[in-house]
Each structure stands twice: as structure tokens, then as C-alpha cells.
């Protein structure tokens, strides 16, 4: 409530008014305190221009003149917090908290790709049964049908066919898809380089001809309502870009007003806030960035972030991940924010710091948190997808992650990836919620009963986004009921 009181006093002073203590208490108890105060000020300016101190009587006068019951003093109801008896429950997969030291040796890359292939092969064999090795397939008799698990090296197109250059851990070969097979051609068009997929083939004249292509994908799961879980919600946001001149401080403050408003039943149920990276705009991220910065050092940006986050109610558990703009290593998997910057943020409250990506359980719900750097690569390779139409195509882009069962299926393009001993970007366990950011376009949807969320941004359109034709969804957050897994997109403008 301290935050609401501060904002009320600031708003009144800005318009040349003072508030009595009773008026402040009354406004604090209302559902839309700032909006009510503005209505009161508007009323006084037109009907009582000599008044400079606002009291309960003035609030009551406005309440009697409006149909919005939240403005009426007589309508005030004081309620206890719905989360009074609630104890936070967060479990974190510690593999994503490590700082990985890579020497760049060939064996490290071999181990990484072997891990990627083995994990995805295991998933594919659960769908298609035991697979054959490529070396055995190449030695098989003509007419033999086989199931293979392969990685795509290259895709070529001729007048008559699409040729897939593929490999496994035993050999490489070509798979030829005749263009007359339109269904398979459509599937092949969506295949991404370095992607691991399953294919049923038949050997004809020493050539492997596919009969079907399928991805690891996720099984259809049933949505589970946890009847024992508390009625607690999690707020999902990302891409604050604090430090940028484009950061929408007004929208963020409106969001804080909502969080601090105990009269709103939805706000009262918020127990967690999760930020999926790009908490600050960073320094030196792209050429001439300094021209677009309000704060030109990372320290200043973190200090400002601390001021903004400290206004979040203390009972809300805040979880912070990182993105490509944040002061951590850029290659995936990214470690959590360093101790230096954690200490700066934790002057006023405690946080939970996680890496990117991260697998966590909140109230028993599995969340896969990923800032989303590889979404750029996917957008560039998917047919009929571009930034200018991302608002309607982001659904298909996000679904690719689950269909591939990998957060960065394309290796070696715009997304730097560390050759860690284990490929932590494979989606082994099917999550309840996938939360991404990075592309600044908000989306809430469902794929095979997994909740897909891209939580938008708090930064206005940049010059680079304008060149791409990308329209960001600014001032957005997604509210998820962890008991029922229902979600709602809320916008603050």
C-alpha cells in the first residue's frame, strides 16, 4: 500500500492539490485509486476551482455522480489477502544454474551433437519403435523398409525432387523426395537444418525414398486441475529493456498500480512474477546503441531496475531470467545474473535468479522458461513467415519448439550455442507452460494442452524493428492461474 499512497500524493501534487489522510485512506481502499483521484480532480476543477485540499467529502460527491461503483465511498469493502496462509513452492533444475567453461575443442562439439542426437532419438523411438543405423540401411536389400532417425545437414531442390542430406552417428546419405508426393514435400519444407527427425524409407535402386517424415513432437497430454493447490497466480513478463529511451515507464507504473491494488481479486491472487530475460537494454549490444539509451552504463540500468522492481509487493516471489541484452555470457545456455548485479538488486528484497533456458516447477507446475533467441532463426527459415506478419504467425513459430523438442534446432546461425557435454536445449520433459520473449509480440495459446506464452515487451518500437516491419505488443503481461492453467493477457497503456 505504500506504493499506492506515494502515487496518489504525487498525482495530486502534480495537479496542484493536497490530500487529507482520510482521503488517502479512502482512495487506497478503492479498486482504481489513481483513476478515481483523477475523476475527483476533474470534478473539482470544473465545479470548485478554489479547492486545493481534497477530502472524503469531495470523493463522496464524485461517487454519487458516477455509475462506477468503485468510485463510491459507501461501496468500499475491506478484504483480507487471499494468499495470507500461502507458502511459496519453487523447484529449480540445477543443471541450468551452472556456468559452463568451454575450450572449443572438436571433442566438445562431438559430445554435444551426440547428446542432442541420442536424446531426440530416444524420443522418436518412443513414437516409431526401434530405428536402424544408416550404415545398415545403405547395406540393406532393395525393397527393404526401414525406420531411421537422422539429422538434417542440407536441403536441395531440383526440378523433380527435394534432396535431403542427412546423417546419424554411423554415416551420411541422401534421401530423395519426388515432387509428385505433395504431402511429403510440405513436411520437408518445414524441416530445419540440424534438426533431428524420424523418417520411414524404402530402398529403391540404391536410393532411400521416404514414405513418411515425422518430428519428435510432444504427446497430447490432459490438462490437470490441481484441486489441492492454492488459488495462486503467476504473472509472466519479459523484455523490460530498462535503460532504453523506449522503455515505457508509464505502462510499467500502471502495472505496478494494479499489482499493489489489493481490491482487485486477480491482483490479490498473484504469488509469483517471472521475467523471461532482457531485464535491461545493455550496452554495446548493437552498433550506435548509445544513441538510444537513457542510461549509458549497465550499473545505472541495474540501479534503475532495482528501483522499479522494489515497488512490487513483498509477498510476491520474483523470478528473474536473462536474455541476450543482459550482462551475462551471450551463448546458450546462459547462466543466471552474476553475483555483482544480484547484490545490487537485492538491496531491497530477495529474488530467485535462473538461467536461460531454465526448467522450474512452481506450485507443482513445470515451466520451461526461454528468452527465445533462436526464434529469429526459425522465423527466417519457416516458409511464409516474416516479422511483418509475426502477430498472426507467432503461434506457428512457438509450436516449432515443441514439435522439434528443441529450443534451438538450427545450429551456428544467429543464435550462439555452447557445446556443453549435455544438450540442455532438448525438451525432454513435457512442460505445462512454455514462456518465451525476445520477439516482443505477445501471444497466449495452447498446443496439445501445453500453454504457450510470449509475454510481449515494455519497450516501444525501435528503429531496427521498424525496418523489419515488426509491431511490438507493448505493456503486456500474462496472468496464469496455476490451479487451472487458465491464462489471460492484460495490457497496460
Protein backbone atom coordinates (compact mmCIF):
# COMPACT_ATOMS: atom_id res chain seq x y z
CA UNK A 1 0.00 0.00 0.00
CA UNK A 2 2.98 2.36 0.44
CA UNK A 3 3.42 2.45 -3.31
CA UNK A 4 -0.24 3.37 -3.93
CA UNK A 5 -0.07 6.11 -1.28
CA UNK A 6 3.07 7.56 -2.86
CA UNK A 7 1.49 7.59 -6.31
CA UNK A 8 -1.68 9.25 -5.03
CA UNK A 9 0.27 12.04 -3.35
CA UNK A 10 2.44 12.55 -6.47
CA UNK A 11 -0.61 12.69 -8.74
CA UNK A 12 -2.37 15.23 -6.51
CA UNK A 13 0.71 17.47 -6.18
CA UNK A 14 1.26 17.38 -9.93
CA UNK A 15 -2.24 18.86 -10.38
CA UNK A 16 -1.76 21.41 -7.57
CA UNK A 17 -3.73 19.64 -4.82
CA UNK A 18 -3.06 18.18 -1.37
CA UNK A 19 -4.83 15.17 0.15
CA UNK A 20 -6.07 14.71 3.69
CA UNK A 21 -5.01 11.49 5.44
CA UNK A 22 -8.63 10.33 5.43
CA UNK A 23 -8.88 10.92 1.68
CA UNK A 24 -5.71 8.93 1.08
CA UNK A 25 -7.05 6.01 3.15
CA UNK A 26 -10.33 6.08 1.25
CA UNK A 27 -8.67 6.16 -2.16
CA UNK A 28 -6.30 3.32 -1.19
CA UNK A 29 -9.28 1.08 -0.47
CA UNK A 30 -10.85 1.57 -3.89
CA UNK A 31 -10.40 -0.65 -6.92
CA UNK A 32 -8.97 2.07 -9.18
CA UNK A 33 -7.47 4.67 -6.81
CA UNK A 34 -5.48 6.72 -9.34
CA UNK A 35 -8.38 6.82 -11.80
CA UNK A 36 -10.77 7.87 -9.03
CA UNK A 37 -8.42 10.65 -7.92
CA UNK A 38 -8.22 11.93 -11.50
CA UNK A 39 -12.02 11.97 -11.68
CA UNK A 40 -12.18 13.89 -8.40
CA UNK A 41 -9.63 16.44 -9.64
CA UNK A 42 -11.51 16.86 -12.94
CA UNK A 43 -14.73 17.39 -10.98
CA UNK A 44 -13.18 19.97 -8.64
CA UNK A 45 -11.54 21.93 -11.45
CA UNK A 46 -14.92 22.47 -13.14
CA UNK A 47 -17.19 22.88 -10.11
CA UNK A 48 -14.99 24.08 -7.20
CA UNK A 49 -11.90 25.82 -8.62
CA UNK A 50 -10.98 27.34 -5.24
CA UNK A 51 -10.46 23.95 -3.53
CA UNK A 52 -6.81 22.89 -3.10
CA UNK A 53 -7.19 20.22 -0.39
CA UNK A 54 -9.12 17.08 -1.31
CA UNK A 55 -11.08 15.36 1.46
CA UNK A 56 -13.52 12.48 1.84
CA UNK A 57 -16.47 14.75 1.14
CA UNK A 58 -15.14 15.55 -2.33
CA UNK A 59 -14.59 11.84 -3.08
CA UNK A 60 -18.15 11.12 -1.94
CA UNK A 61 -19.53 13.84 -4.21
CA UNK A 62 -17.86 12.26 -7.23
CA UNK A 63 -19.02 8.82 -6.11
CA UNK A 64 -22.64 9.93 -6.11
CA UNK A 65 -22.30 11.31 -9.64
CA UNK A 66 -20.82 8.25 -11.37
CA UNK A 67 -22.15 4.83 -12.28
CA UNK A 68 -18.77 3.21 -11.47
CA UNK A 69 -19.30 1.68 -8.06
CA UNK A 70 -15.56 1.62 -7.38
CA UNK A 71 -15.72 5.43 -7.03
CA UNK A 72 -18.39 5.43 -4.34
CA UNK A 73 -17.15 5.76 -0.77
CA UNK A 74 -20.12 3.84 0.53
CA UNK A 75 -19.17 0.86 -1.64
CA UNK A 76 -15.75 0.30 -0.02
CA UNK A 77 -15.22 -3.26 1.20
CA UNK A 78 -12.08 -4.29 3.07
CA UNK A 79 -10.94 -7.84 2.31
CA UNK A 80 -8.16 -10.00 3.68
CA UNK A 81 -5.44 -11.18 1.32
CA UNK A 82 -6.33 -14.45 -0.37
CA UNK A 83 -2.68 -15.52 -0.04
CA UNK A 84 -2.35 -14.92 3.71
CA UNK A 85 -1.78 -18.61 4.55
CA UNK A 86 0.15 -19.42 1.37
CA UNK A 87 3.76 -20.67 1.30
CA UNK A 88 5.71 -20.32 -1.99
CA UNK A 89 6.81 -23.54 -3.72
CA UNK A 90 9.60 -23.32 -6.33
CA UNK A 91 11.84 -26.16 -7.53
CA UNK A 92 14.68 -25.42 -9.95
CA UNK A 93 16.57 -27.84 -12.20
CA UNK A 94 20.14 -27.03 -11.12
CA UNK A 95 21.66 -28.06 -14.46
CA UNK A 96 20.54 -24.69 -15.80
CA UNK A 97 22.25 -22.74 -13.00
CA UNK A 98 25.79 -23.76 -13.93
CA UNK A 99 28.44 -21.66 -15.59
CA UNK A 100 29.90 -23.83 -18.35
CA UNK A 101 33.57 -23.41 -19.32
CA UNK A 102 34.18 -24.42 -22.94
CA UNK A 103 37.63 -24.74 -24.54
CA UNK A 104 36.40 -25.01 -28.13
CA UNK A 105 37.88 -28.46 -28.76
CA UNK A 106 36.47 -30.66 -31.51
CA UNK A 107 35.61 -33.35 -28.98
CA UNK A 108 33.34 -30.89 -27.14
CA UNK A 109 31.29 -30.32 -30.30
CA UNK A 110 31.19 -34.07 -30.96
CA UNK A 111 29.92 -34.76 -27.45
CA UNK A 112 27.32 -32.00 -27.75
CA UNK A 113 25.86 -33.29 -31.02
CA UNK A 114 25.98 -36.89 -29.79
CA UNK A 115 23.95 -35.79 -26.77
CA UNK A 116 21.46 -33.92 -28.95
CA UNK A 117 21.08 -36.89 -31.28
CA UNK A 118 20.80 -39.50 -28.52
CA UNK A 119 18.14 -37.59 -26.60
CA UNK A 120 15.99 -36.93 -29.63
CA UNK A 121 16.48 -40.45 -30.96
CA UNK A 122 15.12 -41.78 -27.69
CA UNK A 123 12.04 -39.57 -28.03
CA UNK A 124 11.49 -40.55 -31.67
CA UNK A 125 11.85 -44.26 -30.95
CA UNK A 126 9.10 -43.93 -28.35
CA UNK A 127 6.87 -42.88 -31.25
CA UNK A 128 8.17 -45.03 -34.12
CA UNK A 129 9.80 -48.04 -32.49
CA UNK A 130 13.46 -49.16 -32.78
CA UNK A 131 15.40 -47.42 -35.54
CA UNK A 132 18.03 -48.73 -37.95
CA UNK A 133 21.50 -47.29 -38.38
CA UNK A 134 22.30 -45.57 -41.64
CA UNK A 135 25.18 -47.96 -42.32
CA UNK A 136 22.74 -50.88 -42.12
CA UNK A 137 20.21 -49.07 -44.28
CA UNK A 138 22.79 -48.48 -47.01
CA UNK A 139 23.70 -52.18 -47.00
CA UNK A 140 20.09 -53.41 -46.99
CA UNK A 141 18.41 -55.17 -49.91
CA UNK A 142 16.29 -53.35 -52.46
CA UNK A 143 12.70 -53.04 -51.34
CA UNK A 144 13.63 -53.09 -47.66
CA UNK A 145 11.58 -50.73 -45.49
CA UNK A 146 13.31 -49.11 -42.51
CA UNK A 147 12.76 -46.53 -39.81
CA UNK A 148 15.64 -44.06 -39.44
CA UNK A 149 16.47 -41.27 -37.02
CA UNK A 150 18.64 -38.67 -38.76
CA UNK A 151 19.90 -35.12 -38.54
CA UNK A 152 19.41 -32.76 -41.50
CA UNK A 153 22.67 -31.43 -42.95
CA UNK A 154 21.42 -29.79 -46.14
CA UNK A 155 18.29 -29.45 -48.24
CA UNK A 156 18.46 -29.14 -52.05
CA UNK A 157 15.76 -28.77 -54.65
CA UNK A 158 15.75 -29.95 -58.27
CA UNK A 159 13.03 -29.93 -60.91
CA UNK A 160 11.98 -33.46 -60.00
CA UNK A 161 12.69 -33.78 -56.28
CA UNK A 162 13.81 -32.40 -52.94
CA UNK A 163 17.03 -33.98 -51.71
CA UNK A 164 17.78 -34.23 -48.01
CA UNK A 165 21.40 -34.70 -46.97
CA UNK A 166 21.22 -36.48 -43.61
CA UNK A 167 23.45 -38.20 -41.10
CA UNK A 168 23.41 -40.24 -37.93
CA UNK A 169 26.35 -41.30 -35.76
CA UNK A 170 27.34 -44.02 -38.26
CA UNK A 171 27.15 -42.50 -41.74
CA UNK A 172 25.73 -39.86 -44.10
CA UNK A 173 23.47 -40.27 -47.14
CA UNK A 174 20.79 -38.68 -49.33
CA UNK A 175 17.04 -39.12 -49.05
CA UNK A 176 15.18 -38.24 -52.24
CA UNK A 177 11.56 -36.98 -52.13
CA UNK A 178 9.78 -36.97 -55.51
CA UNK A 179 7.89 -33.71 -56.05
CA UNK A 180 4.79 -35.64 -57.05
CA UNK A 181 4.45 -36.62 -53.38
CA UNK A 182 2.97 -33.25 -52.33
CA UNK A 183 2.30 -34.22 -48.70
CA UNK A 184 5.90 -35.22 -48.05
CA UNK A 185 7.16 -32.12 -49.86
CA UNK A 186 5.11 -29.97 -47.47
CA UNK A 187 6.65 -31.75 -44.49
CA UNK A 188 10.14 -31.39 -45.95
CA UNK A 189 9.64 -27.64 -46.44
CA UNK A 190 9.27 -27.23 -42.68
CA UNK A 191 12.40 -29.20 -41.80
CA UNK A 192 15.16 -27.03 -40.33
CA UNK A 193 18.89 -27.54 -40.71
CA UNK A 194 20.45 -29.55 -37.85
CA UNK A 195 17.01 -30.80 -36.89
CA UNK A 196 16.71 -34.43 -35.76
CA UNK A 197 13.69 -36.18 -37.23
CA UNK A 198 12.29 -39.62 -38.00
CA UNK A 199 11.76 -41.00 -41.47
CA UNK A 200 10.35 -44.25 -42.83
CA UNK A 201 12.12 -45.16 -46.04
CA UNK A 202 12.18 -47.87 -48.65
CA UNK A 203 15.28 -48.70 -50.66
CA UNK A 204 14.69 -48.43 -54.41
CA UNK A 205 17.61 -48.78 -56.84
CA UNK A 206 20.16 -47.92 -54.14
CA UNK A 207 18.25 -44.77 -53.23
CA UNK A 208 16.35 -44.18 -49.99
CA UNK A 209 12.84 -42.94 -50.80
CA UNK A 210 10.78 -41.70 -47.84
CA UNK A 211 7.30 -42.98 -47.09
CA UNK A 212 6.73 -40.63 -44.14
CA UNK A 213 8.53 -37.93 -42.16
CA UNK A 214 7.74 -37.05 -38.59
CA UNK A 215 9.14 -34.89 -35.81
CA UNK A 216 9.81 -35.78 -32.18
CA UNK A 217 6.81 -33.61 -31.16
CA UNK A 218 5.06 -33.82 -27.81
CA UNK A 219 2.27 -36.26 -26.97
CA UNK A 220 -1.22 -34.94 -26.37
CA UNK A 221 -1.48 -34.51 -22.62
CA UNK A 222 -4.53 -33.90 -20.48
CA UNK A 223 -4.84 -30.63 -18.64
CA UNK A 224 -4.76 -31.35 -14.94
CA UNK A 225 -6.57 -29.19 -12.41
CA UNK A 226 -4.70 -29.47 -9.14
CA UNK A 227 -7.54 -29.36 -6.65
CA UNK A 228 -5.11 -29.36 -3.71
CA UNK A 229 -3.11 -26.39 -4.99
CA UNK A 230 -3.72 -22.91 -3.56
CA UNK A 231 -5.55 -20.39 -5.71
CA UNK A 232 -2.40 -18.58 -6.68
CA UNK A 233 -1.42 -16.99 -10.00
CA UNK A 234 1.85 -16.21 -11.71
CA UNK A 235 2.48 -13.09 -13.77
CA UNK A 236 4.65 -13.66 -16.85
CA UNK A 237 6.54 -10.71 -18.37
CA UNK A 238 9.70 -10.22 -20.41
CA UNK A 239 11.76 -7.68 -22.33
CA UNK A 240 11.63 -4.71 -19.98
CA UNK A 241 14.74 -3.14 -21.59
CA UNK A 242 15.26 -0.77 -18.68
CA UNK A 243 17.83 1.83 -19.71
CA UNK A 244 16.41 2.28 -23.19
CA UNK A 245 14.83 5.61 -24.11
CA UNK A 246 12.00 3.48 -25.47
CA UNK A 247 11.25 1.85 -22.09
CA UNK A 248 7.58 2.52 -21.28
CA UNK A 249 7.86 3.68 -17.69
CA UNK A 250 4.25 4.88 -17.72
CA UNK A 251 2.95 1.42 -18.63
CA UNK A 252 5.17 -0.26 -16.03
CA UNK A 253 3.92 2.12 -13.34
CA UNK A 254 0.33 1.37 -14.33
CA UNK A 255 1.19 -2.32 -13.96
CA UNK A 256 2.65 -1.62 -10.51
CA UNK A 257 -0.54 0.23 -9.59
CA UNK A 258 -2.50 -2.88 -10.50
CA UNK A 259 -0.20 -5.20 -8.54
CA UNK A 260 -0.38 -3.00 -5.45
CA UNK A 261 -4.16 -2.70 -5.63
CA UNK A 262 -5.45 -5.18 -3.06
CA UNK A 263 -9.08 -4.60 -4.09
CA UNK A 264 -8.67 -6.43 -7.41
CA UNK A 265 -9.31 -10.17 -6.85
CA UNK A 266 -6.92 -11.09 -9.68
CA UNK A 267 -4.12 -8.95 -8.25
CA UNK A 268 -4.72 -10.40 -4.81
CA UNK A 269 -4.05 -13.92 -6.09
CA UNK A 270 -0.64 -13.10 -7.61
CA UNK A 271 2.05 -15.03 -5.77
CA UNK A 272 4.80 -15.04 -8.40
CA UNK A 273 6.22 -12.76 -11.07
CA UNK A 274 8.53 -14.30 -13.67
CA UNK A 275 10.67 -12.16 -16.01
CA UNK A 276 11.94 -14.08 -19.06
CA UNK A 277 15.02 -12.00 -19.84
CA UNK A 278 16.16 -8.68 -21.30
CA UNK A 279 15.63 -7.03 -17.96
CA UNK A 280 17.89 -4.18 -19.13
CA UNK A 281 18.81 -2.84 -22.57
CA UNK A 282 22.52 -3.42 -22.02
CA UNK A 283 25.46 -1.57 -23.57
CA UNK A 284 27.20 -2.32 -26.86
CA UNK A 285 24.58 -4.84 -27.94
CA UNK A 286 24.31 -3.34 -31.44
CA UNK A 287 26.05 -0.51 -33.34
CA UNK A 288 25.32 3.05 -32.14
CA UNK A 289 23.14 1.75 -29.30
CA UNK A 290 24.33 4.60 -27.07
CA UNK A 291 22.10 6.99 -29.05
CA UNK A 292 19.03 5.06 -27.88
CA UNK A 293 19.99 4.75 -24.20
CA UNK A 294 18.63 6.72 -21.26
CA UNK A 295 21.28 5.15 -19.00
CA UNK A 296 24.61 4.52 -20.74
CA UNK A 297 26.12 2.07 -18.24
CA UNK A 298 24.90 -1.33 -17.15
CA UNK A 299 25.34 -0.34 -13.50
CA UNK A 300 22.97 2.60 -13.95
CA UNK A 301 20.48 0.35 -15.72
CA UNK A 302 20.57 -2.24 -12.94
CA UNK A 303 20.16 0.50 -10.32
CA UNK A 304 17.09 1.81 -12.13
CA UNK A 305 15.76 -1.74 -12.46
CA UNK A 306 16.19 -2.12 -8.71
CA UNK A 307 14.05 0.96 -8.11
CA UNK A 308 11.32 -0.34 -10.38
CA UNK A 309 11.25 -3.89 -9.01
CA UNK A 310 11.39 -2.77 -5.39
CA UNK A 311 7.84 -1.42 -5.79
CA UNK A 312 6.46 -4.92 -6.35
CA UNK A 313 4.58 -6.14 -3.25
CA UNK A 314 6.95 -8.03 -0.96
CA UNK A 315 4.78 -11.14 -0.71
CA UNK A 316 5.20 -11.77 -4.46
CA UNK A 317 8.11 -14.08 -5.29
CA UNK A 318 10.02 -12.52 -8.21
CA UNK A 319 11.93 -14.88 -10.53
CA UNK A 320 14.45 -13.33 -12.93
CA UNK A 321 15.87 -15.00 -16.02
CA UNK A 322 18.23 -13.41 -18.56
CA UNK A 323 18.35 -12.65 -22.28
CA UNK A 324 20.75 -11.51 -24.97
CA UNK A 325 20.68 -7.85 -23.79
CA UNK A 326 21.59 -8.68 -20.20
CA UNK A 327 25.14 -8.55 -18.72
CA UNK A 328 25.87 -12.29 -18.91
CA UNK A 329 27.53 -14.58 -21.47
CA UNK A 330 25.57 -14.49 -24.73
CA UNK A 331 25.79 -18.16 -25.77
CA UNK A 332 23.11 -20.64 -24.70
CA UNK A 333 22.69 -21.92 -22.08
CA UNK A 334 23.16 -18.59 -20.31
CA UNK A 335 23.95 -18.62 -16.59
CA UNK A 336 21.93 -16.54 -14.12
CA UNK A 337 22.81 -12.92 -13.45
CA UNK A 338 26.23 -12.56 -11.79
CA UNK A 339 26.69 -12.03 -8.04
CA UNK A 340 27.71 -8.41 -8.64
CA UNK A 341 24.38 -7.47 -10.19
CA UNK A 342 22.37 -9.72 -7.89
CA UNK A 343 23.77 -7.84 -4.90
CA UNK A 344 22.71 -4.53 -6.46
CA UNK A 345 19.15 -5.79 -6.94
CA UNK A 346 18.84 -7.44 -3.55
CA UNK A 347 19.34 -4.27 -1.54
CA UNK A 348 15.59 -4.01 -1.04
CA UNK A 349 14.24 -7.54 -1.47
CA UNK A 350 15.14 -11.13 -2.36
CA UNK A 351 14.82 -12.66 -5.83
CA UNK A 352 15.09 -16.08 -7.42
CA UNK A 353 17.69 -15.97 -10.21
CA UNK A 354 17.61 -18.54 -13.00
CA UNK A 355 19.47 -19.09 -16.26
CA UNK A 356 18.28 -19.10 -19.86
CA UNK A 357 16.78 -21.53 -20.58
CA UNK A 358 15.52 -22.85 -17.26
CA UNK A 359 13.25 -25.63 -16.13
CA UNK A 360 11.41 -24.86 -12.91
CA UNK A 361 8.38 -26.07 -11.01
CA UNK A 362 6.09 -23.51 -9.42
CA UNK A 363 3.32 -24.92 -7.26
CA UNK A 364 4.00 -28.27 -8.95
CA UNK A 365 3.57 -26.85 -12.47
CA UNK A 366 6.53 -27.35 -14.80
CA UNK A 367 7.57 -24.16 -16.58
CA UNK A 368 10.09 -24.07 -19.40
CA UNK A 369 11.48 -20.53 -19.39
CA UNK A 370 13.36 -19.46 -22.50
CA UNK A 371 14.13 -15.93 -23.64
CA UNK A 372 13.85 -17.01 -27.27
CA UNK A 373 16.96 -16.00 -29.23
CA UNK A 374 16.51 -18.87 -31.70
CA UNK A 375 13.06 -17.64 -32.69
CA UNK A 376 14.88 -15.28 -35.08
CA UNK A 377 16.45 -18.25 -36.89
CA UNK A 378 13.14 -20.10 -37.08
CA UNK A 379 11.33 -17.05 -38.46
CA UNK A 380 13.92 -16.71 -41.22
CA UNK A 381 13.67 -20.37 -42.27
CA UNK A 382 9.97 -21.15 -41.99
CA UNK A 383 8.05 -20.71 -45.25
CA UNK A 384 5.56 -17.84 -45.33
CA UNK A 385 6.69 -16.33 -42.01
CA UNK A 386 8.20 -12.87 -41.53
CA UNK A 387 8.46 -10.21 -38.83
CA UNK A 388 5.86 -8.03 -40.53
CA UNK A 389 3.18 -10.72 -40.02
CA UNK A 390 4.55 -12.14 -36.77
CA UNK A 391 1.47 -11.02 -34.87
CA UNK A 392 -0.58 -13.70 -36.61
CA UNK A 393 2.21 -16.24 -37.22
CA UNK A 394 3.91 -16.37 -33.82
CA UNK A 395 1.68 -19.32 -32.89
CA UNK A 396 3.33 -21.43 -35.61
CA UNK A 397 6.82 -20.24 -34.63
CA UNK A 398 6.38 -21.20 -30.97
CA UNK A 399 4.85 -24.56 -31.85
CA UNK A 400 8.03 -25.45 -33.78
CA UNK A 401 9.93 -25.57 -30.48
CA UNK A 402 7.64 -28.30 -29.16
CA UNK A 403 7.41 -30.13 -32.47
CA UNK A 404 11.22 -30.25 -32.72
CA UNK A 405 11.53 -30.87 -28.97
CA UNK A 406 14.43 -28.43 -29.08
CA UNK A 407 14.79 -24.75 -28.17
CA UNK A 408 17.38 -24.02 -30.87
CA UNK A 409 17.14 -26.69 -33.57
CA UNK A 410 19.28 -24.69 -36.04
CA UNK A 411 22.95 -24.63 -35.03
CA UNK A 412 25.51 -22.00 -36.00
CA UNK A 413 23.37 -19.17 -37.34
CA UNK A 414 22.27 -16.10 -35.31
CA UNK A 415 21.99 -17.97 -32.02
CA UNK A 416 25.30 -18.77 -30.31
CA UNK A 417 25.18 -22.17 -28.58
CA UNK A 418 27.79 -23.61 -26.24
CA UNK A 419 28.87 -27.21 -26.96
CA UNK A 420 28.08 -28.37 -23.43
CA UNK A 421 28.59 -32.05 -22.53
CA UNK A 422 24.80 -32.44 -22.39
CA UNK A 423 22.47 -30.63 -24.77
CA UNK A 424 20.27 -28.77 -22.30
CA UNK A 425 18.18 -27.28 -25.09
CA UNK A 426 16.42 -30.57 -25.83
CA UNK A 427 12.89 -30.56 -24.39
CA UNK A 428 12.93 -33.95 -22.67
CA UNK A 429 10.15 -33.45 -20.12
CA UNK A 430 6.93 -32.00 -21.50
CA UNK A 431 6.21 -28.76 -19.62
CA UNK A 432 2.88 -27.37 -18.52
CA UNK A 433 3.87 -23.86 -19.63
CA UNK A 434 6.41 -22.58 -22.15
CA UNK A 435 7.28 -18.93 -21.52
CA UNK A 436 9.28 -17.03 -24.14
CA UNK A 437 10.05 -13.41 -25.04
CA UNK A 438 12.65 -11.81 -27.32
CA UNK A 439 10.44 -11.08 -30.36
CA UNK A 440 8.29 -8.53 -28.46
CA UNK A 441 4.97 -9.90 -29.78
CA UNK A 442 2.51 -11.10 -27.15
CA UNK A 443 0.70 -14.40 -27.58
CA UNK A 444 -1.22 -16.84 -25.41
CA UNK A 445 -2.24 -20.18 -26.87
CA UNK A 446 -2.37 -23.89 -26.41
CA UNK A 447 -0.56 -26.69 -28.21
CA UNK A 448 -1.54 -30.23 -27.24
CA UNK A 449 -2.55 -28.91 -23.82
CA UNK A 450 0.75 -27.12 -23.21
CA UNK A 451 0.25 -23.43 -22.51
CA UNK A 452 2.34 -21.32 -24.91
CA UNK A 453 3.12 -17.77 -23.80
CA UNK A 454 5.13 -15.00 -25.34
CA UNK A 455 4.67 -12.13 -22.93
CA UNK A 456 5.44 -9.18 -25.21
CA UNK A 457 7.55 -6.21 -24.14
CA UNK A 458 7.74 -2.93 -22.21
CA UNK A 459 9.74 -1.17 -24.93
CA UNK A 460 8.29 0.88 -27.76
CA UNK A 461 9.15 0.05 -31.36
CA UNK A 462 12.85 0.50 -32.10
CA UNK A 463 14.33 1.75 -35.37
CA UNK A 464 15.52 -1.78 -36.15
CA UNK A 465 12.03 -3.21 -35.59
CA UNK A 466 10.59 -0.50 -37.82
CA UNK A 467 12.91 -1.62 -40.62
CA UNK A 468 11.70 -5.21 -40.17
CA UNK A 469 8.06 -4.16 -40.11
CA UNK A 470 7.69 -5.62 -36.61
CA UNK A 471 4.92 -4.13 -34.46
CA UNK A 472 5.71 -4.89 -30.80
CA UNK A 473 2.98 -5.59 -28.24
CA UNK A 474 3.89 -3.02 -25.59
CA UNK A 475 2.94 -3.00 -21.91
CA UNK A 476 1.70 -6.57 -21.71
CA UNK A 477 1.75 -9.32 -19.14
CA UNK A 478 0.16 -12.76 -18.98
CA UNK A 479 -1.64 -13.88 -15.84
CA UNK A 480 -1.76 -17.66 -15.33
CA UNK A 481 -3.87 -19.41 -12.71
CA UNK A 482 -1.58 -22.21 -11.52
CA UNK A 483 -4.50 -24.23 -10.19
CA UNK A 484 -6.37 -24.45 -13.51
CA UNK A 485 -3.70 -23.36 -16.05
CA UNK A 486 -6.06 -20.77 -17.49
CA UNK A 487 -4.34 -17.66 -18.82
CA UNK A 488 -5.26 -14.07 -19.53
CA UNK A 489 -3.37 -11.39 -21.45
CA UNK A 490 -3.52 -7.97 -19.81
CA UNK A 491 -2.31 -4.74 -21.39
CA UNK A 492 -1.22 -1.55 -19.64
CA UNK A 493 -1.06 1.55 -21.83
